[in-house]
Structure formats: structure tokens, C-alpha cells
Protein backbone atom coordinates (compact mmCIF):
# COMPACT_ATOMS: atom_id res chain seq x y z
CA MET A 1 -11.43 4.55 -13.04
CA GLU A 2 -8.92 1.33 -12.64
CA PHE A 3 -9.27 -0.63 -9.61
CA ARG A 4 -5.95 -2.82 -9.89
CA THR A 5 -4.10 -1.65 -6.83
CA LEU A 6 -4.76 -0.02 -3.45
CA GLU A 7 -1.89 1.72 -2.36
CA ARG A 8 -1.05 3.71 0.22
CA VAL A 9 2.08 4.70 1.95
CA ILE A 10 2.81 6.59 5.40
CA HIS A 11 6.01 7.22 8.02
CA ILE A 12 5.74 5.91 11.23
CA ASP A 13 8.25 7.23 14.11
CA ALA A 14 9.12 3.94 15.05
CA ALA A 15 12.09 1.05 13.80
CA PRO A 16 10.95 -1.24 11.34
CA GLU A 17 11.51 -3.85 13.73
CA VAL A 18 8.83 -2.47 15.78
CA VAL A 19 6.47 -1.93 12.84
CA PHE A 20 6.86 -5.29 11.52
CA ASP A 21 5.66 -6.75 14.65
CA VAL A 22 2.67 -4.63 14.73
CA VAL A 23 1.70 -5.46 11.13
CA SER A 24 2.77 -9.46 11.56
CA ARG A 25 1.48 -10.26 14.98
CA PRO A 26 -2.02 -11.14 16.01
CA GLU A 27 -1.62 -9.72 19.74
CA HIS A 28 -0.96 -6.44 17.68
CA ILE A 29 -3.17 -6.37 14.93
CA LYS A 30 -6.11 -6.15 17.45
CA MET A 31 -4.87 -3.26 18.78
CA TRP A 32 -5.48 -1.36 15.78
CA TRP A 33 -7.36 -3.23 13.07
CA SER A 34 -9.58 -6.25 13.83
CA ASP A 35 -11.09 -7.31 17.04
CA ASP A 36 -9.12 -10.13 17.03
CA ALA A 37 -6.80 -12.14 15.00
CA SER A 38 -5.40 -15.64 15.07
CA PHE A 39 -2.83 -16.96 12.69
CA LYS A 40 0.77 -17.45 13.10
CA PRO A 41 3.23 -15.49 11.00
CA VAL A 42 4.68 -18.26 9.10
CA PRO A 43 4.18 -18.54 5.28
CA GLY A 44 1.09 -21.30 4.41
CA ASP A 45 -0.39 -20.32 7.65
CA VAL A 46 -4.19 -20.31 7.60
CA GLY A 47 -6.04 -18.11 10.28
CA GLU A 48 -8.41 -15.47 10.59
CA LEU A 49 -9.21 -11.53 11.47
CA THR A 50 -12.68 -11.11 13.31
CA TRP A 51 -14.82 -7.92 14.04
CA GLY A 52 -17.48 -7.40 16.40
CA ASP A 53 -18.81 -10.55 17.99
CA ARG A 54 -17.63 -12.67 15.27
CA SER A 55 -20.04 -10.87 12.85
CA LYS A 56 -17.64 -10.70 10.33
CA VAL A 57 -14.79 -13.41 9.97
CA ALA A 58 -12.04 -12.68 6.99
CA PRO A 59 -9.90 -15.89 6.54
CA LEU A 60 -6.07 -15.20 5.72
CA THR A 61 -3.25 -17.31 4.46
CA ILE A 62 0.09 -15.93 5.45
CA VAL A 63 2.24 -15.50 1.87
CA GLU A 64 5.41 -13.96 2.77
CA VAL A 65 7.24 -13.25 6.25
CA ASP A 66 10.55 -11.32 5.79
CA PRO A 67 11.35 -9.65 9.05
CA PRO A 68 11.39 -6.61 8.99
CA ARG A 69 10.93 -5.71 5.33
CA LYS A 70 7.72 -7.55 4.31
CA PHE A 71 4.58 -8.99 5.41
CA ALA A 72 1.83 -10.31 2.79
CA PHE A 73 -1.04 -12.07 2.88
CA TYR A 74 -4.38 -13.41 1.14
CA TRP A 75 -7.75 -12.50 1.96
CA VAL A 76 -11.15 -11.37 0.65
CA ALA A 77 -11.70 -15.05 -0.69
CA PRO A 78 -14.98 -16.43 -1.45
CA ASP A 79 -17.10 -17.59 1.43
CA GLY A 80 -16.27 -20.81 2.25
CA GLN A 81 -12.97 -20.94 0.35
CA THR A 82 -9.28 -20.91 1.54
CA PRO A 83 -7.77 -17.44 0.53
CA ALA A 84 -5.07 -17.97 -2.41
CA ALA A 85 -3.43 -16.39 -5.42
CA ASP A 86 -6.28 -17.47 -7.55
CA ASN A 87 -9.20 -16.03 -5.53
CA SER A 88 -8.36 -13.43 -3.26
CA LEU A 89 -6.66 -10.12 -2.89
CA LEU A 90 -2.93 -9.76 -1.87
CA ALA A 91 -2.38 -7.45 1.07
CA THR A 92 1.80 -6.36 1.30
CA PHE A 93 3.06 -4.41 3.70
CA GLU A 94 6.77 -3.36 2.67
CA LEU A 95 8.58 -1.31 5.02
CA VAL A 96 11.87 0.67 4.85
CA ALA A 97 13.84 2.39 7.31
CA SER A 98 13.73 6.43 7.37
CA GLY A 99 15.69 8.12 9.69
CA ASP A 100 14.47 6.92 12.93
CA GLY A 101 11.14 5.64 11.65
CA THR A 102 9.76 3.74 8.93
CA ILE A 103 7.87 4.28 5.64
CA LEU A 104 5.31 1.58 5.28
CA ARG A 105 3.73 0.93 2.02
CA LEU A 106 0.53 -1.02 2.05
CA THR A 107 -0.39 -2.54 -1.34
CA GLU A 108 -3.73 -4.74 -1.96
CA SER A 109 -3.83 -6.38 -5.34
CA GLY A 110 -5.78 -8.71 -7.46
CA TRP A 111 -8.83 -6.77 -7.73
CA ARG A 112 -9.26 -7.44 -11.13
CA ASP A 113 -8.99 -11.00 -10.48
CA LYS A 114 -11.63 -11.34 -8.59
CA GLY A 115 -14.21 -11.68 -11.20
CA TRP A 116 -16.63 -9.06 -9.74
CA GLU A 117 -19.11 -7.12 -11.90
CA PRO A 118 -17.75 -3.39 -12.46
CA ASP A 119 -20.38 -2.22 -10.02
CA VAL A 120 -19.22 -4.58 -7.09
CA LEU A 121 -15.83 -4.09 -7.84
CA GLU A 122 -15.77 -0.20 -7.44
CA GLU A 123 -17.97 -0.50 -4.07
CA ALA A 124 -15.50 -3.25 -3.11
CA PHE A 125 -12.44 -0.85 -3.65
CA ARG A 126 -14.21 1.80 -2.20
CA ASP A 127 -14.82 0.07 0.79
CA HIS A 128 -11.21 -0.93 1.33
CA GLU A 129 -10.13 2.79 0.60
CA ARG A 130 -12.43 3.95 3.29
CA GLY A 131 -11.41 1.08 5.56
CA TRP A 132 -7.45 1.53 5.02
CA ASN A 133 -7.85 5.13 5.66
CA LEU A 134 -9.11 4.59 9.20
CA PHE A 135 -7.12 2.08 9.93
CA LEU A 136 -3.61 3.07 9.04
CA PRO A 137 -3.65 6.14 11.50
CA ARG A 138 -4.35 3.62 13.89
CA LEU A 139 -1.50 1.55 13.02
CA GLN A 140 0.65 4.88 12.96
CA SER A 141 -0.35 5.84 16.25
CA TYR A 142 -0.39 2.33 17.99
CA ALA A 143 3.20 1.75 16.58
CA THR A 144 4.64 4.87 17.91
CA SER A 145 2.91 4.17 21.54
CA VAL A 146 4.62 0.42 21.38
CA VAL A 147 7.81 2.04 20.94
CA THR A 148 7.47 4.51 24.09
CA ARG A 149 6.22 1.48 26.30
């Protein structure tokens, strides 16, 4: 199997503007994905996502902010390095209006460029598949709840 791009597509019963905020603002991200998030949704900003009691910290670099269509960031860099094009995965959320809701396409690319051994690559790819399969339904549910508030 080729491990080049991980892709997921979901429909969310919320307008693209709401979904964009949910995927690009730290106060929303920590409601469906990480336990905490600190960054400014501005290209070039470097921040982090954290899980647990800072047991897992994932630095990220914001790449693209195009409300309400696209939000992208680099992450999963080697320890001690700032995430960038040459050392990280690129996570991209693309949003398209669909009736009263939004089609969200998540892509995570750069897998082959990491230089990992095949077994490490496959395990990391599978781990991210499991993670997105868990967190995207949470995003879906949370974004819908933001609409009803």
C-alpha cells in the first residue's frame, strides 16, 4: 500500500464560517481534538497542540488561512525542530458549502518525505488514520453544537 496522503471527507451540518472557526481557532480545537492548543491562526505562526498533562506536545506551524475555505499547518516534525515543508506532515482542512452545511476534506500529506523506514511509516500512517477516525466525528458533533448555541 502507498502511504502518500491520508484523506477523509465528512459532511457537517454547519455553515463553512462556523466549521472554519472550529478547525482554526484554539478555543474550539481543544473542544474536539487536543486537550489544549496555543497558536494564532496567522500564516507563519508557530504554536502547539497538547494532550494529557503535556505528556504529548505537537508543535505546529500555520501555513495557510483562507476563511472560510482553507486552513493548513505543518506538524509532526522531528523532536526539537520547528515544523516546516522539509520535515513535517501538512494537514489541510478544505471547506465547501453544501446546502445548509459544509463538506470538509482533510488531507495529511508528506508521509513519504519523512524518510521513515517502511514499518515506521506504516505504523505512523495507521495511527493517524485511527486518530482522524476518532476526532473527525467529534469535530462534526462539536461544530453542530456551536451552531445551536
